Amino acid sequence: RIEISAQNHNFAVDPASLPEDVEVTHVNLNDGTCAGLRHPKMQVMTIQYHPEASPGPHDSDEAFRQFVNMMRDVS
């Protein structure tokens, strides 16, 4: 799956530096940098981008769905 996003960061996480139980979930196709992480046991996720204004504001809907589901699983 591809999401259109704007990149505005001056840093990147080195995937080789991550603990074994942290998963890379998103990779920037332009420069290969890590754009998202997940730790399934700790119920933690992150993305390093914001949705682009065009073609629409729904590119991050899946990330929000995953977040809401994680919150439901915790309670």
N, C-alpha and C. Protein backbone atom coordinates (compact mmCIF):
# COMPACT_ATOMS: atom_id res chain seq x y z
N ARG A 1 0.84 -1.17 0.00
CA ARG A 1 0.00 0.00 0.00
C ARG A 1 0.88 1.24 0.00
N ILE A 2 0.48 2.25 -0.75
CA ILE A 2 1.23 3.50 -0.82
C ILE A 2 0.36 4.63 -0.30
N GLU A 3 0.95 5.48 0.53
CA GLU A 3 0.27 6.66 1.05
C GLU A 3 1.04 7.88 0.57
N ILE A 4 0.32 8.89 0.09
CA ILE A 4 0.95 10.13 -0.33
C ILE A 4 1.06 11.02 0.89
N SER A 5 2.27 11.48 1.17
CA SER A 5 2.48 12.28 2.37
C SER A 5 3.56 13.33 2.11
N ALA A 6 3.59 14.31 2.96
CA ALA A 6 4.64 15.32 2.91
C ALA A 6 5.67 14.99 3.98
N GLN A 7 6.93 15.04 3.60
CA GLN A 7 8.02 14.77 4.53
C GLN A 7 8.63 16.11 4.93
N ASN A 8 8.79 16.30 6.21
CA ASN A 8 9.35 17.58 6.67
C ASN A 8 10.31 17.38 7.83
N HIS A 9 10.98 16.25 7.85
CA HIS A 9 11.88 15.98 8.97
C HIS A 9 13.34 16.09 8.56
N ASN A 10 14.16 16.39 9.51
CA ASN A 10 15.60 16.47 9.28
C ASN A 10 16.33 15.38 10.05
N PHE A 11 15.64 14.32 10.36
CA PHE A 11 16.23 13.21 11.09
C PHE A 11 15.55 11.93 10.64
N ALA A 12 16.17 10.81 10.95
CA ALA A 12 15.59 9.52 10.62
C ALA A 12 16.06 8.49 11.63
N VAL A 13 15.23 7.51 11.89
CA VAL A 13 15.58 6.40 12.76
C VAL A 13 16.33 5.35 11.93
N ASP A 14 17.44 4.88 12.46
CA ASP A 14 18.19 3.82 11.81
C ASP A 14 17.55 2.48 12.20
N PRO A 15 16.91 1.78 11.28
CA PRO A 15 16.25 0.52 11.63
C PRO A 15 17.19 -0.49 12.30
N ALA A 16 18.47 -0.45 11.97
CA ALA A 16 19.43 -1.37 12.57
C ALA A 16 19.62 -1.11 14.06
N SER A 17 19.23 0.09 14.52
CA SER A 17 19.40 0.44 15.93
C SER A 17 18.20 0.03 16.80
N LEU A 18 17.15 -0.50 16.17
CA LEU A 18 15.93 -0.82 16.89
C LEU A 18 16.03 -2.17 17.58
N PRO A 19 15.38 -2.31 18.74
CA PRO A 19 15.30 -3.62 19.38
C PRO A 19 14.57 -4.61 18.45
N GLU A 20 14.79 -5.89 18.66
CA GLU A 20 14.22 -6.92 17.78
C GLU A 20 12.70 -6.92 17.77
N ASP A 21 12.07 -6.49 18.86
CA ASP A 21 10.61 -6.55 18.93
C ASP A 21 9.92 -5.30 18.40
N VAL A 22 10.68 -4.38 17.81
CA VAL A 22 10.11 -3.18 17.18
C VAL A 22 10.10 -3.42 15.67
N GLU A 23 8.94 -3.20 15.05
CA GLU A 23 8.77 -3.44 13.62
C GLU A 23 8.73 -2.12 12.85
N VAL A 24 9.40 -2.08 11.71
CA VAL A 24 9.28 -0.95 10.79
C VAL A 24 8.01 -1.19 9.98
N THR A 25 7.08 -0.24 10.02
CA THR A 25 5.80 -0.39 9.33
C THR A 25 5.69 0.46 8.07
N HIS A 26 6.46 1.55 8.01
CA HIS A 26 6.40 2.46 6.87
C HIS A 26 7.82 2.83 6.45
N VAL A 27 8.05 2.85 5.14
CA VAL A 27 9.34 3.25 4.58
C VAL A 27 9.08 4.30 3.51
N ASN A 28 9.83 5.39 3.57
CA ASN A 28 9.72 6.44 2.56
C ASN A 28 10.33 5.91 1.27
N LEU A 29 9.54 5.84 0.21
CA LEU A 29 10.03 5.30 -1.07
C LEU A 29 11.00 6.23 -1.77
N ASN A 30 11.01 7.51 -1.42
CA ASN A 30 11.94 8.45 -2.06
C ASN A 30 13.37 8.29 -1.55
N ASP A 31 13.53 8.12 -0.24
CA ASP A 31 14.89 8.07 0.31
C ASP A 31 15.17 6.84 1.17
N GLY A 32 14.17 5.96 1.31
CA GLY A 32 14.37 4.72 2.05
C GLY A 32 14.41 4.86 3.55
N THR A 33 14.08 6.05 4.07
CA THR A 33 14.13 6.23 5.52
C THR A 33 12.91 5.59 6.20
N CYS A 34 13.08 5.30 7.45
CA CYS A 34 12.01 4.73 8.27
C CYS A 34 10.96 5.81 8.52
N ALA A 35 9.70 5.52 8.19
CA ALA A 35 8.63 6.50 8.36
C ALA A 35 7.55 6.02 9.33
N GLY A 36 7.70 4.82 9.88
CA GLY A 36 6.72 4.33 10.85
C GLY A 36 7.25 3.13 11.60
N LEU A 37 6.85 3.04 12.88
CA LEU A 37 7.29 1.95 13.75
C LEU A 37 6.11 1.40 14.53
N ARG A 38 6.29 0.16 15.02
CA ARG A 38 5.25 -0.45 15.84
C ARG A 38 5.91 -1.42 16.82
N HIS A 39 5.42 -1.39 18.04
CA HIS A 39 5.84 -2.37 19.06
C HIS A 39 4.56 -3.08 19.49
N PRO A 40 4.30 -4.28 18.95
CA PRO A 40 3.01 -4.94 19.18
C PRO A 40 2.74 -5.28 20.65
N LYS A 41 3.74 -5.70 21.39
CA LYS A 41 3.51 -6.09 22.79
C LYS A 41 3.18 -4.89 23.67
N MET A 42 3.79 -3.75 23.38
CA MET A 42 3.56 -2.56 24.20
C MET A 42 2.39 -1.72 23.67
N GLN A 43 1.78 -2.13 22.55
CA GLN A 43 0.68 -1.38 21.94
C GLN A 43 1.09 0.07 21.64
N VAL A 44 2.23 0.22 20.94
CA VAL A 44 2.75 1.53 20.58
C VAL A 44 2.97 1.57 19.08
N MET A 45 2.62 2.68 18.46
CA MET A 45 2.87 2.87 17.03
C MET A 45 3.19 4.34 16.78
N THR A 46 3.88 4.60 15.70
CA THR A 46 4.20 5.97 15.32
C THR A 46 4.35 6.06 13.80
N ILE A 47 4.07 7.23 13.26
CA ILE A 47 4.36 7.52 11.86
C ILE A 47 5.07 8.86 11.81
N GLN A 48 5.97 9.02 10.86
CA GLN A 48 6.75 10.24 10.73
C GLN A 48 6.40 10.93 9.42
N TYR A 49 5.19 11.43 9.34
CA TYR A 49 4.77 12.20 8.18
C TYR A 49 3.40 12.78 8.48
N HIS A 50 2.94 13.61 7.60
CA HIS A 50 1.55 14.06 7.68
C HIS A 50 0.94 13.93 6.30
N PRO A 51 -0.36 13.68 6.23
CA PRO A 51 -1.00 13.46 4.93
C PRO A 51 -0.87 14.68 4.03
N GLU A 52 -0.71 14.41 2.78
CA GLU A 52 -0.64 15.48 1.79
C GLU A 52 -2.04 16.04 1.56
N ALA A 53 -2.13 17.31 1.21
CA ALA A 53 -3.42 17.95 1.00
C ALA A 53 -4.12 17.42 -0.25
N SER A 54 -3.35 16.90 -1.18
CA SER A 54 -3.94 16.38 -2.40
C SER A 54 -3.30 15.03 -2.67
N PRO A 55 -3.97 13.99 -2.93
CA PRO A 55 -5.30 13.86 -3.46
C PRO A 55 -6.41 13.85 -2.41
N GLY A 56 -6.09 13.93 -1.16
CA GLY A 56 -7.15 13.97 -0.17
C GLY A 56 -6.62 13.76 1.22
N PRO A 57 -7.42 14.08 2.21
CA PRO A 57 -6.97 13.98 3.60
C PRO A 57 -7.16 12.60 4.21
N HIS A 58 -7.36 11.57 3.41
CA HIS A 58 -7.69 10.25 3.96
C HIS A 58 -6.54 9.26 3.93
N ASP A 59 -5.34 9.71 3.56
CA ASP A 59 -4.21 8.81 3.45
C ASP A 59 -3.83 8.17 4.79
N SER A 60 -4.09 8.84 5.89
CA SER A 60 -3.73 8.31 7.21
C SER A 60 -4.88 7.60 7.91
N ASP A 61 -6.00 7.40 7.24
CA ASP A 61 -7.15 6.75 7.88
C ASP A 61 -6.78 5.39 8.48
N GLU A 62 -5.98 4.61 7.78
CA GLU A 62 -5.61 3.28 8.28
C GLU A 62 -4.82 3.38 9.58
N ALA A 63 -3.92 4.35 9.67
CA ALA A 63 -3.15 4.54 10.91
C ALA A 63 -4.09 4.88 12.07
N PHE A 64 -5.07 5.74 11.82
CA PHE A 64 -6.02 6.09 12.87
C PHE A 64 -6.89 4.88 13.26
N ARG A 65 -7.28 4.07 12.28
CA ARG A 65 -8.05 2.85 12.58
C ARG A 65 -7.24 1.90 13.47
N GLN A 66 -5.97 1.73 13.13
CA GLN A 66 -5.11 0.86 13.93
C GLN A 66 -4.97 1.39 15.35
N PHE A 67 -4.82 2.71 15.49
CA PHE A 67 -4.68 3.32 16.80
C PHE A 67 -5.96 3.10 17.63
N VAL A 68 -7.10 3.34 17.05
CA VAL A 68 -8.37 3.15 17.76
C VAL A 68 -8.52 1.69 18.17
N ASN A 69 -8.19 0.75 17.28
CA ASN A 69 -8.27 -0.66 17.64
C ASN A 69 -7.33 -1.02 18.77
N MET A 70 -6.13 -0.45 18.78
CA MET A 70 -5.21 -0.71 19.89
C MET A 70 -5.80 -0.20 21.21
N MET A 71 -6.42 0.97 21.18
CA MET A 71 -7.02 1.51 22.40
C MET A 71 -8.18 0.63 22.87
N ARG A 72 -8.94 0.09 21.95
CA ARG A 72 -10.04 -0.82 22.32
C ARG A 72 -9.49 -2.09 22.95
N ASP A 73 -8.38 -2.61 22.42
CA ASP A 73 -7.78 -3.83 22.95
C ASP A 73 -7.23 -3.65 24.36
N VAL A 74 -6.77 -2.45 24.68
CA VAL A 74 -6.20 -2.17 26.00
C VAL A 74 -7.27 -2.11 27.07
N SER A 75 -8.42 -1.56 26.72
CA SER A 75 -9.47 -1.36 27.74
C SER A 75 -10.28 -2.61 27.99
